Amino acid sequence: MSVSLTGKDTTILNERVFSDLATGDCVSLTFPNNLAEAKIGKNGNTIYAFNSTGKQCTATIRVIRGSADDKYLASEMASYINDPAAYVLMSGEFIKRAGDGAGNITADIYQMRGGMVQKMPETKENVEGDTEQAVTIYQILFANTSRIMG
């Protein structure tokens, strides 16, 4: 029997541990490109090629609006907008902890490099009690990501 218990994950950007995360999927990493491509030719001959764009990652981070983490990411975005050529790219780690039910924990670590806020965060006003208006959603594009199981 295999089990996986998860909890106490950690999100770090530029050595800053994020603690003002919002509800639901507060952090998600998506990879829009394949790591490998293949072309089939005559007689079933196949050519495989590594696609380095498969290491590109978009980190979606949902933080509480107006929190210290929101202000930090807003300042990162402003730094890029104010002088794109001088901007120092972000690095980070997302650490997913998985337990086996017997006390053993595996750290599933995503190391991300070459990042910047990709989009201006959206906002809204709602008079019917929609809690999403108190959440700021950032999309951070990272050029290079690796996964380490420890």
Protein backbone atom coordinates (compact mmCIF):
# COMPACT_ATOMS: atom_id res chain seq x y z
CA MET A 1 0.00 0.00 0.00
CA SER A 2 1.31 3.45 -0.92
CA VAL A 3 0.16 6.67 0.72
CA SER A 4 1.12 10.30 0.45
CA LEU A 5 0.49 12.77 3.25
CA THR A 6 1.14 16.40 2.38
CA GLY A 7 1.34 19.63 4.33
CA LYS A 8 3.60 22.43 5.50
CA ASP A 9 4.78 23.27 1.98
CA THR A 10 7.13 26.25 1.60
CA THR A 11 7.33 28.99 -1.03
CA ILE A 12 10.53 31.04 -1.21
CA LEU A 13 11.34 33.91 -3.60
CA ASN A 14 14.70 35.68 -3.37
CA GLU A 15 15.27 34.01 0.02
CA ARG A 16 11.95 35.44 1.32
CA VAL A 17 9.66 32.80 2.84
CA PHE A 18 6.06 33.63 1.92
CA SER A 19 3.53 33.49 4.75
CA ASP A 20 0.61 35.69 3.56
CA LEU A 21 -0.82 33.10 1.18
CA ALA A 22 -4.54 33.19 0.40
CA THR A 23 -7.15 30.44 0.00
CA GLY A 24 -7.48 27.52 -2.39
CA ASP A 25 -4.60 26.84 -4.75
CA CYS A 26 -2.40 29.52 -3.19
CA VAL A 27 0.67 28.44 -5.18
CA SER A 28 0.73 26.50 -8.43
CA LEU A 29 3.50 25.84 -10.94
CA THR A 30 2.62 25.18 -14.56
CA PHE A 31 4.86 24.17 -17.43
CA PRO A 32 3.44 25.26 -20.82
CA ASN A 33 6.04 23.49 -22.99
CA ASN A 34 7.15 19.90 -23.52
CA LEU A 35 10.60 18.70 -22.44
CA ALA A 36 10.93 16.58 -25.58
CA GLU A 37 9.68 16.62 -29.15
CA ALA A 38 9.60 13.84 -31.73
CA LYS A 39 9.18 13.61 -35.50
CA ILE A 40 8.42 10.37 -37.27
CA GLY A 41 9.87 9.95 -40.74
CA LYS A 42 9.99 7.34 -43.45
CA ASN A 43 9.89 3.68 -42.39
CA GLY A 44 8.96 4.73 -38.84
CA ASN A 45 12.34 6.33 -38.20
CA THR A 46 11.97 8.71 -35.29
CA ILE A 47 14.03 11.69 -34.25
CA TYR A 48 13.78 12.87 -30.64
CA ALA A 49 15.00 16.27 -29.49
CA PHE A 50 15.32 17.90 -26.10
CA ASN A 51 13.20 21.07 -25.88
CA SER A 52 14.86 23.42 -23.39
CA THR A 53 11.72 25.60 -23.25
CA GLY A 54 10.16 22.73 -21.31
CA LYS A 55 12.00 24.05 -18.24
CA GLN A 56 10.07 27.34 -18.41
CA CYS A 57 7.59 27.69 -15.57
CA THR A 58 4.77 30.03 -14.60
CA ALA A 59 4.28 30.30 -10.84
CA THR A 60 0.85 31.56 -9.86
CA ILE A 61 0.91 32.91 -6.32
CA ARG A 62 -2.26 34.01 -4.49
CA VAL A 63 -1.52 36.36 -1.58
CA ILE A 64 -3.72 38.36 0.76
CA ARG A 65 -4.29 41.81 -0.78
CA GLY A 66 -2.33 44.53 1.02
CA SER A 67 -0.18 42.05 2.97
CA ALA A 68 3.60 42.24 3.31
CA ASP A 69 3.99 39.57 0.61
CA ASP A 70 1.68 41.54 -1.73
CA LYS A 71 3.74 44.68 -1.15
CA TYR A 72 6.97 42.76 -1.79
CA LEU A 73 5.76 41.38 -5.12
CA ALA A 74 4.35 44.79 -6.10
CA SER A 75 7.79 46.33 -5.47
CA GLU A 76 9.44 43.60 -7.61
CA MET A 77 7.01 44.37 -10.43
CA ALA A 78 7.61 48.14 -10.09
CA SER A 79 11.39 47.61 -10.16
CA TYR A 80 11.10 45.79 -13.46
CA ILE A 81 8.71 48.36 -14.98
CA ASN A 82 10.87 51.31 -13.86
CA ASP A 83 14.10 49.98 -15.42
CA PRO A 84 13.79 46.63 -17.25
CA ALA A 85 17.47 46.52 -18.25
CA ALA A 86 18.69 46.97 -14.65
CA TYR A 87 16.20 44.51 -13.09
CA VAL A 88 17.72 41.66 -11.07
CA LEU A 89 15.81 38.49 -11.95
CA MET A 90 14.14 36.51 -9.16
CA SER A 91 15.01 33.03 -8.02
CA GLY A 92 13.01 30.77 -5.78
CA GLU A 93 12.04 27.38 -4.48
CA PHE A 94 8.75 25.63 -3.96
CA ILE A 95 9.10 22.74 -1.52
CA LYS A 96 6.31 20.15 -1.40
CA ARG A 97 6.54 17.78 1.57
CA ALA A 98 5.18 14.25 1.18
CA GLY A 99 5.00 11.74 4.02
CA ASP A 100 4.63 7.99 3.62
CA GLY A 101 2.49 7.40 6.73
CA ALA A 102 5.43 5.82 8.58
CA GLY A 103 7.15 9.08 9.53
CA ASN A 104 9.38 9.35 6.47
CA ILE A 105 9.22 12.62 4.53
CA THR A 106 10.29 13.28 0.95
CA ALA A 107 11.03 16.85 -0.10
CA ASP A 108 9.85 17.50 -3.67
CA ILE A 109 11.80 20.66 -4.52
CA TYR A 110 11.29 22.89 -7.54
CA GLN A 111 14.20 25.33 -7.99
CA MET A 112 13.32 28.28 -10.21
CA ARG A 113 15.66 30.85 -11.77
CA GLY A 114 15.36 33.85 -14.07
CA GLY A 115 11.99 35.12 -12.86
CA MET A 116 9.92 38.26 -13.19
CA VAL A 117 6.29 39.25 -12.65
CA GLN A 118 4.68 38.45 -16.00
CA LYS A 119 1.32 40.22 -15.70
CA MET A 120 -0.23 43.10 -13.83
CA PRO A 121 -2.45 41.58 -11.10
CA GLU A 122 -6.17 42.03 -11.65
CA THR A 123 -8.63 43.53 -9.18
CA LYS A 124 -12.36 44.03 -8.70
CA GLU A 125 -15.02 45.36 -6.35
CA ASN A 126 -17.91 43.16 -5.32
CA VAL A 127 -20.77 44.16 -2.99
CA GLU A 128 -22.07 40.61 -2.50
CA GLY A 129 -19.32 39.32 -0.22
CA ASP A 130 -16.99 37.78 -2.80
CA THR A 131 -13.78 37.05 -0.86
CA GLU A 132 -11.69 36.97 -4.07
CA GLN A 133 -11.57 40.78 -3.98
CA ALA A 134 -9.21 40.44 -0.99
CA VAL A 135 -6.74 38.28 -2.97
CA THR A 136 -3.96 39.45 -5.28
CA ILE A 137 -2.88 36.94 -7.92
CA TYR A 138 0.63 37.20 -9.35
CA GLN A 139 1.96 35.27 -12.31
CA ILE A 140 5.73 34.98 -12.22
CA LEU A 141 7.55 33.68 -15.29
CA PHE A 142 10.71 31.66 -14.60
CA ALA A 143 13.05 30.82 -17.48
CA ASN A 144 14.64 27.76 -15.91
CA THR A 145 13.24 25.25 -13.44
CA SER A 146 14.57 21.98 -12.07
CA ARG A 147 12.95 19.34 -9.85
CA ILE A 148 14.84 17.52 -7.12
CA MET A 149 13.46 14.70 -5.00
CA GLY A 150 15.20 14.55 -1.65
